[in-house]
Amino acid sequence: MGIDLRHFRCFVAVAEELHFHRAAKRLGVAQPALSRTIKTMENELGVTLLERSNRRVELTHVGEIFLTGCRKCLEHSERIIEDMQRVQQGSIGTLRIGYTENAMNGQLPSLLKAFKGQTPDISLVLTHSVTSEQVSQLEDGSIDLGFATGNLAKTGFESIRIQSERFVCVVYDSHPFATRSSICLSELAEEPMVQGARAHWQHYYSRLEPLFRTAGFEPKIAQEGLTTTDIQRLVACGIGIAILTETVVDCLPSGLAVLPIEDVTDCLDTIAVWPAQQNTVAKDRFVSFLRQSLNPGTNFS
């Protein structure tokens, strides 16, 4: 005979009731069958767990120790079952998320905070990566969902728009434009520019460069930076000006000014994107949260 959870439950009932009839009634079994189960278990283990007499049932010292272990084992098994049910429901698990700098400068922190407030037992593993890297990571399964720049017209992916930002011009404080309230894009034709490194910013510039061509010029690139912070610092050095998106206003270093661009109404989107066929309960729950949270008028503060 193998000892299993059924035996533990039987012993715990007898040990707590110290009465075979009451324990059998509690378990919904016949008293003779319960007595045989306990006796067979004692023989199997080679120990005496209960002292029996016509008047009373008492735990032996070994029985007291065994009772503590049985309770712990039953509690642990219940937690395992509860955890598996919570995994199935999407209230526990791990979600691997990639994000761009634009996403983290925008709505993403508030969204993640709100989601964690609702599902504290889903662990979020966050990885900074540019859009092209996120596409590869989504395809090979190293992340579950990405927050990427631009619209990805890629078969097999689904997406939700998270935010849409206007383009702005960032200049150093001694630049002639710094005192202006706005500019037109064509005024930048002769200006040296600082832009993101093309290998990392390709989705960003695939949206911006057609705007330059519409304005009739190709930008004069003076320097490239890897991150938004790099670009801002290079602009602050007086190396050139930059076209970024309006979330930079919230984290602008000193010595810089931000100008709206009058004749550019195009926006840069940040999207949540995921493979349509690679479903996990935690990811599906997060996607459902995003769909509900991004209704007009939602406040994430």
Protein backbone atom coordinates (compact mmCIF):
# COMPACT_ATOMS: atom_id res chain seq x y z
CA MET A 1 0.00 0.00 0.00
CA GLY A 2 1.29 3.48 -0.86
CA ILE A 3 0.62 6.36 1.53
CA ASP A 4 -1.20 9.18 -0.23
CA LEU A 5 -3.18 12.34 0.57
CA ARG A 6 -6.32 10.30 1.28
CA HIS A 7 -4.54 8.57 4.16
CA PHE A 8 -3.32 11.90 5.52
CA ARG A 9 -6.87 13.30 5.46
CA CYS A 10 -8.20 10.25 7.27
CA PHE A 11 -5.52 10.47 9.97
CA VAL A 12 -6.01 14.23 10.46
CA ALA A 13 -9.77 13.76 10.91
CA VAL A 14 -9.27 11.03 13.54
CA ALA A 15 -6.48 12.97 15.29
CA GLU A 16 -8.57 16.12 15.49
CA GLU A 17 -11.81 14.40 16.53
CA LEU A 18 -10.13 11.73 18.72
CA HIS A 19 -13.21 9.67 17.94
CA PHE A 20 -13.55 7.25 15.02
CA HIS A 21 -17.32 7.61 14.66
CA ARG A 22 -17.20 11.41 14.48
CA ALA A 23 -14.21 11.30 12.14
CA ALA A 24 -15.98 8.83 9.83
CA LYS A 25 -19.07 11.02 9.75
CA ARG A 26 -16.91 14.08 8.98
CA LEU A 27 -15.25 12.25 6.09
CA GLY A 28 -18.42 10.62 4.82
CA VAL A 29 -17.06 7.09 5.11
CA ALA A 30 -17.98 3.99 7.10
CA GLN A 31 -16.34 3.72 10.52
CA PRO A 32 -14.95 0.19 9.99
CA ALA A 33 -13.33 1.27 6.72
CA LEU A 34 -11.73 4.29 8.46
CA SER A 35 -10.42 2.08 11.28
CA ARG A 36 -8.89 -0.32 8.75
CA THR A 37 -7.26 2.57 6.85
CA ILE A 38 -5.56 3.90 10.00
CA LYS A 39 -4.46 0.44 11.14
CA THR A 40 -3.10 -0.46 7.70
CA MET A 41 -1.22 2.86 7.58
CA GLU A 42 0.36 2.19 10.99
CA ASN A 43 1.44 -1.25 9.83
CA GLU A 44 2.84 0.18 6.61
CA LEU A 45 4.82 2.83 8.47
CA GLY A 46 5.82 0.52 11.31
CA VAL A 47 4.67 2.97 14.01
CA THR A 48 1.82 3.43 16.49
CA LEU A 49 0.02 6.69 15.81
CA LEU A 50 -3.00 6.26 18.11
CA GLU A 51 -3.60 4.66 21.48
CA ARG A 52 -7.08 3.12 21.46
CA SER A 53 -9.28 1.99 24.30
CA ASN A 54 -12.98 1.40 24.74
CA ARG A 55 -13.40 4.90 26.17
CA ARG A 56 -10.98 7.10 24.27
CA VAL A 57 -8.53 7.61 21.44
CA GLU A 58 -5.26 9.42 22.10
CA LEU A 59 -2.34 10.50 19.93
CA THR A 60 1.03 8.99 20.63
CA HIS A 61 4.09 11.23 20.55
CA VAL A 62 4.84 9.86 17.08
CA GLY A 63 1.22 10.58 16.13
CA GLU A 64 1.55 14.22 17.22
CA ILE A 65 4.62 14.67 15.03
CA PHE A 66 2.93 12.87 12.14
CA LEU A 67 -0.17 15.09 12.52
CA THR A 68 1.96 18.23 12.12
CA GLY A 69 3.54 16.83 8.97
CA CYS A 70 0.20 15.71 7.52
CA ARG A 71 -1.30 19.16 8.00
CA LYS A 72 1.65 20.83 6.30
CA CYS A 73 1.49 18.38 3.41
CA LEU A 74 -2.25 18.93 2.91
CA GLU A 75 -1.84 22.71 3.08
CA HIS A 76 0.98 22.58 0.55
CA SER A 77 -1.05 20.40 -1.83
CA GLU A 78 -3.98 22.82 -1.57
CA ARG A 79 -1.69 25.74 -2.41
CA ILE A 80 -0.37 23.87 -5.46
CA ILE A 81 -3.92 23.31 -6.70
CA GLU A 82 -4.88 26.93 -6.03
CA ASP A 83 -1.78 28.18 -7.85
CA MET A 84 -2.54 26.03 -10.90
CA GLN A 85 -6.09 27.35 -10.95
CA ARG A 86 -4.78 30.91 -10.71
CA VAL A 87 -2.35 30.26 -13.56
CA GLN A 88 -5.27 29.01 -15.65
CA GLN A 89 -7.24 32.14 -14.72
CA GLY A 90 -4.29 34.41 -15.56
CA SER A 91 -3.90 35.83 -12.05
CA ILE A 92 -0.45 34.32 -11.53
CA GLY A 93 2.49 33.74 -13.86
CA THR A 94 5.25 35.60 -15.70
CA LEU A 95 4.89 38.09 -18.53
CA ARG A 96 7.98 39.07 -20.55
CA ILE A 97 7.66 42.53 -22.08
CA GLY A 98 9.90 44.47 -24.45
CA TYR A 99 9.70 48.25 -24.58
CA THR A 100 11.13 51.19 -26.48
CA GLU A 101 12.31 54.42 -24.92
CA ASN A 102 9.31 56.26 -26.35
CA ALA A 103 6.96 53.82 -24.68
CA MET A 104 8.64 54.17 -21.30
CA ASN A 105 8.61 57.97 -21.61
CA GLY A 106 4.88 57.87 -22.30
CA GLN A 107 1.91 55.86 -21.01
CA LEU A 108 3.65 52.57 -20.32
CA PRO A 109 4.71 53.15 -16.67
CA SER A 110 1.16 54.07 -15.67
CA LEU A 111 -0.28 51.11 -17.54
CA LEU A 112 2.13 48.67 -15.89
CA LYS A 113 1.46 50.14 -12.46
CA ALA A 114 -2.30 49.80 -12.93
CA PHE A 115 -1.96 46.21 -14.18
CA LYS A 116 0.27 45.25 -11.24
CA GLY A 117 -2.32 46.74 -8.90
CA GLN A 118 -4.93 44.39 -10.35
CA THR A 119 -2.73 41.29 -10.69
CA PRO A 120 0.11 41.50 -8.14
CA ASP A 121 1.04 37.83 -8.59
CA ILE A 122 1.90 38.17 -12.29
CA SER A 123 5.62 38.85 -12.47
CA LEU A 124 6.62 41.37 -15.16
CA VAL A 125 10.05 40.91 -16.75
CA LEU A 126 10.88 44.09 -18.71
CA THR A 127 13.54 44.38 -21.41
CA HIS A 128 14.52 47.57 -23.23
CA SER A 129 14.93 46.95 -26.95
CA VAL A 130 14.30 48.84 -30.17
CA THR A 131 11.41 47.93 -32.44
CA SER A 132 13.38 45.75 -34.88
CA GLU A 133 14.83 43.74 -31.97
CA GLN A 134 11.38 43.31 -30.44
CA VAL A 135 10.05 41.81 -33.68
CA SER A 136 12.81 39.18 -33.59
CA GLN A 137 12.24 38.54 -29.89
CA LEU A 138 8.51 38.07 -30.46
CA GLU A 139 9.19 35.65 -33.30
CA ASP A 140 11.63 33.50 -31.32
CA GLY A 141 9.47 33.61 -28.18
CA SER A 142 11.96 35.38 -25.91
CA ILE A 143 9.33 38.02 -25.09
CA ASP A 144 5.55 37.65 -24.92
CA LEU A 145 4.57 41.18 -25.88
CA GLY A 146 6.33 44.32 -27.09
CA PHE A 147 5.76 48.06 -26.91
CA ALA A 148 7.13 49.22 -30.23
CA THR A 149 7.42 52.36 -32.36
CA GLY A 150 5.30 52.79 -35.47
CA ASN A 151 2.77 50.54 -37.12
CA LEU A 152 3.95 47.01 -37.90
CA ALA A 153 2.24 45.66 -41.00
CA LYS A 154 3.42 42.12 -40.32
CA THR A 155 1.45 38.93 -40.87
CA GLY A 156 0.76 36.92 -37.74
CA PHE A 157 0.88 39.84 -35.31
CA GLU A 158 -1.85 41.70 -33.49
CA SER A 159 -1.49 45.17 -31.99
CA ILE A 160 -3.16 47.97 -30.05
CA ARG A 161 -2.23 51.64 -30.30
CA ILE A 162 -1.02 52.86 -26.92
CA GLN A 163 -0.23 56.49 -27.66
CA SER A 164 0.11 58.90 -30.57
CA GLU A 165 2.58 61.79 -30.33
CA ARG A 166 3.22 64.92 -32.38
CA PHE A 167 6.75 65.67 -33.61
CA VAL A 168 8.53 68.63 -32.00
CA CYS A 169 11.80 70.46 -32.60
CA VAL A 170 14.38 70.50 -29.79
CA VAL A 171 16.96 73.33 -29.85
CA TYR A 172 19.66 74.58 -27.51
CA ASP A 173 18.84 77.75 -25.57
CA SER A 174 21.22 80.02 -27.52
CA HIS A 175 19.87 78.97 -30.91
CA PRO A 176 17.97 81.69 -32.83
CA PHE A 177 14.85 79.50 -32.79
CA ALA A 178 14.88 79.21 -28.99
CA THR A 179 12.81 82.36 -28.50
CA ARG A 180 10.20 81.36 -31.09
CA SER A 181 6.81 79.94 -30.16
CA SER A 182 6.82 77.53 -33.12
CA ILE A 183 8.55 76.78 -36.45
CA CYS A 184 7.81 75.31 -39.86
CA LEU A 185 9.64 72.17 -40.91
CA SER A 186 11.03 73.81 -44.07
CA GLU A 187 12.96 76.27 -41.86
CA LEU A 188 15.20 73.40 -40.76
CA ALA A 189 16.57 72.69 -44.24
CA GLU A 190 19.99 74.24 -43.51
CA GLU A 191 20.21 73.28 -39.85
CA PRO A 192 22.69 70.63 -38.67
CA MET A 193 20.72 67.88 -36.97
CA VAL A 194 21.26 65.29 -34.30
CA GLN A 195 19.34 62.07 -34.87
CA GLY A 196 19.17 58.54 -33.52
CA ALA A 197 21.50 55.90 -34.86
CA ARG A 198 19.78 54.51 -37.94
CA ALA A 199 20.22 50.85 -37.01
CA HIS A 200 18.23 51.41 -33.82
CA TRP A 201 15.84 54.16 -34.94
CA GLN A 202 14.77 52.81 -38.33
CA HIS A 203 11.05 52.64 -37.51
CA TYR A 204 11.15 56.17 -36.11
CA TYR A 205 12.77 57.60 -39.21
CA SER A 206 10.63 55.63 -41.59
CA ARG A 207 7.85 57.87 -40.32
CA LEU A 208 9.86 61.11 -40.11
CA GLU A 209 11.86 61.06 -43.34
CA PRO A 210 8.83 61.32 -45.68
CA LEU A 211 7.99 64.55 -43.86
CA PHE A 212 11.42 65.97 -44.74
CA ARG A 213 10.93 65.02 -48.38
CA THR A 214 7.49 66.65 -48.43
CA ALA A 215 9.13 69.82 -47.05
CA GLY A 216 11.64 69.64 -49.94
CA PHE A 217 14.94 68.74 -48.26
CA GLU A 218 17.08 65.99 -46.83
CA PRO A 219 18.31 66.58 -43.24
CA LYS A 220 21.95 67.44 -42.65
CA ILE A 221 23.05 64.94 -40.00
CA ALA A 222 25.78 66.34 -37.76
CA GLN A 223 25.79 63.60 -35.11
CA GLU A 224 23.95 60.43 -34.11
CA GLY A 225 22.96 59.33 -30.61
CA LEU A 226 21.83 55.95 -29.34
CA THR A 227 19.07 57.12 -26.97
CA THR A 228 16.77 60.10 -26.59
CA THR A 229 18.91 61.26 -23.67
CA ASP A 230 22.04 61.07 -25.85
CA ILE A 231 20.35 63.16 -28.53
CA GLN A 232 19.18 65.77 -26.04
CA ARG A 233 22.65 66.08 -24.52
CA LEU A 234 24.23 66.45 -27.94
CA VAL A 235 21.73 69.19 -28.78
CA ALA A 236 22.53 70.89 -25.46
CA CYS A 237 26.20 70.93 -26.55
CA GLY A 238 25.20 73.07 -29.54
CA ILE A 239 26.05 70.38 -32.10
CA GLY A 240 22.68 70.66 -33.81
CA ILE A 241 18.94 70.53 -33.36
CA ALA A 242 16.69 67.44 -33.24
CA ILE A 243 13.22 66.27 -34.16
CA LEU A 244 11.77 64.18 -31.35
CA THR A 245 8.25 63.54 -30.02
CA GLU A 246 6.31 65.57 -27.50
CA THR A 247 6.91 63.28 -24.50
CA VAL A 248 10.43 64.80 -24.28
CA VAL A 249 8.82 67.86 -22.70
CA ASP A 250 8.32 65.86 -19.48
CA CYS A 251 12.00 64.94 -19.13
CA LEU A 252 13.85 67.81 -20.78
CA PRO A 253 17.35 68.66 -19.48
CA SER A 254 18.20 72.29 -18.75
CA GLY A 255 19.52 74.38 -21.61
CA LEU A 256 16.98 73.14 -24.17
CA ALA A 257 13.78 74.47 -25.67
CA VAL A 258 10.96 72.57 -27.40
CA LEU A 259 9.05 74.07 -30.32
CA PRO A 260 5.87 72.81 -31.98
CA ILE A 261 6.15 72.28 -35.75
CA GLU A 262 3.29 74.20 -37.34
CA ASP A 263 3.03 72.40 -40.66
CA VAL A 264 3.41 68.81 -39.37
CA THR A 265 0.27 67.12 -38.09
CA ASP A 266 1.54 63.57 -38.56
CA CYS A 267 2.01 61.59 -35.35
CA LEU A 268 4.22 58.74 -34.23
CA ASP A 269 2.38 55.81 -32.68
CA THR A 270 3.53 53.50 -29.93
CA ILE A 271 1.82 50.12 -30.14
CA ALA A 272 1.52 47.02 -28.01
CA VAL A 273 2.25 44.09 -30.33
CA TRP A 274 2.20 40.32 -29.89
CA PRO A 275 2.14 37.13 -32.00
CA ALA A 276 -1.46 36.17 -32.71
CA GLN A 277 -0.84 32.43 -32.35
CA GLN A 278 1.39 32.36 -29.26
CA ASN A 279 -1.14 32.61 -26.46
CA THR A 280 -0.54 32.47 -22.74
CA VAL A 281 -3.17 33.17 -20.11
CA ALA A 282 -1.08 35.95 -18.50
CA LYS A 283 -0.54 37.66 -21.85
CA ASP A 284 -4.20 37.33 -22.80
CA ARG A 285 -5.17 38.88 -19.49
CA PHE A 286 -2.76 41.77 -20.07
CA VAL A 287 -4.10 42.34 -23.59
CA SER A 288 -7.65 42.35 -22.19
CA PHE A 289 -6.52 44.88 -19.58
CA LEU A 290 -5.03 47.10 -22.29
CA ARG A 291 -8.19 46.99 -24.39
CA GLN A 292 -10.31 48.00 -21.41
CA SER A 293 -7.88 50.62 -20.08
CA LEU A 294 -7.26 52.45 -23.35
CA ASN A 295 -10.85 53.59 -23.75
CA PRO A 296 -11.18 57.36 -24.28
CA GLY A 297 -11.08 59.24 -21.01
CA THR A 298 -9.12 56.62 -19.06
CA ASN A 299 -6.93 58.20 -16.39
CA PHE A 300 -3.82 56.27 -15.36
CA SER A 301 -2.55 58.66 -12.70
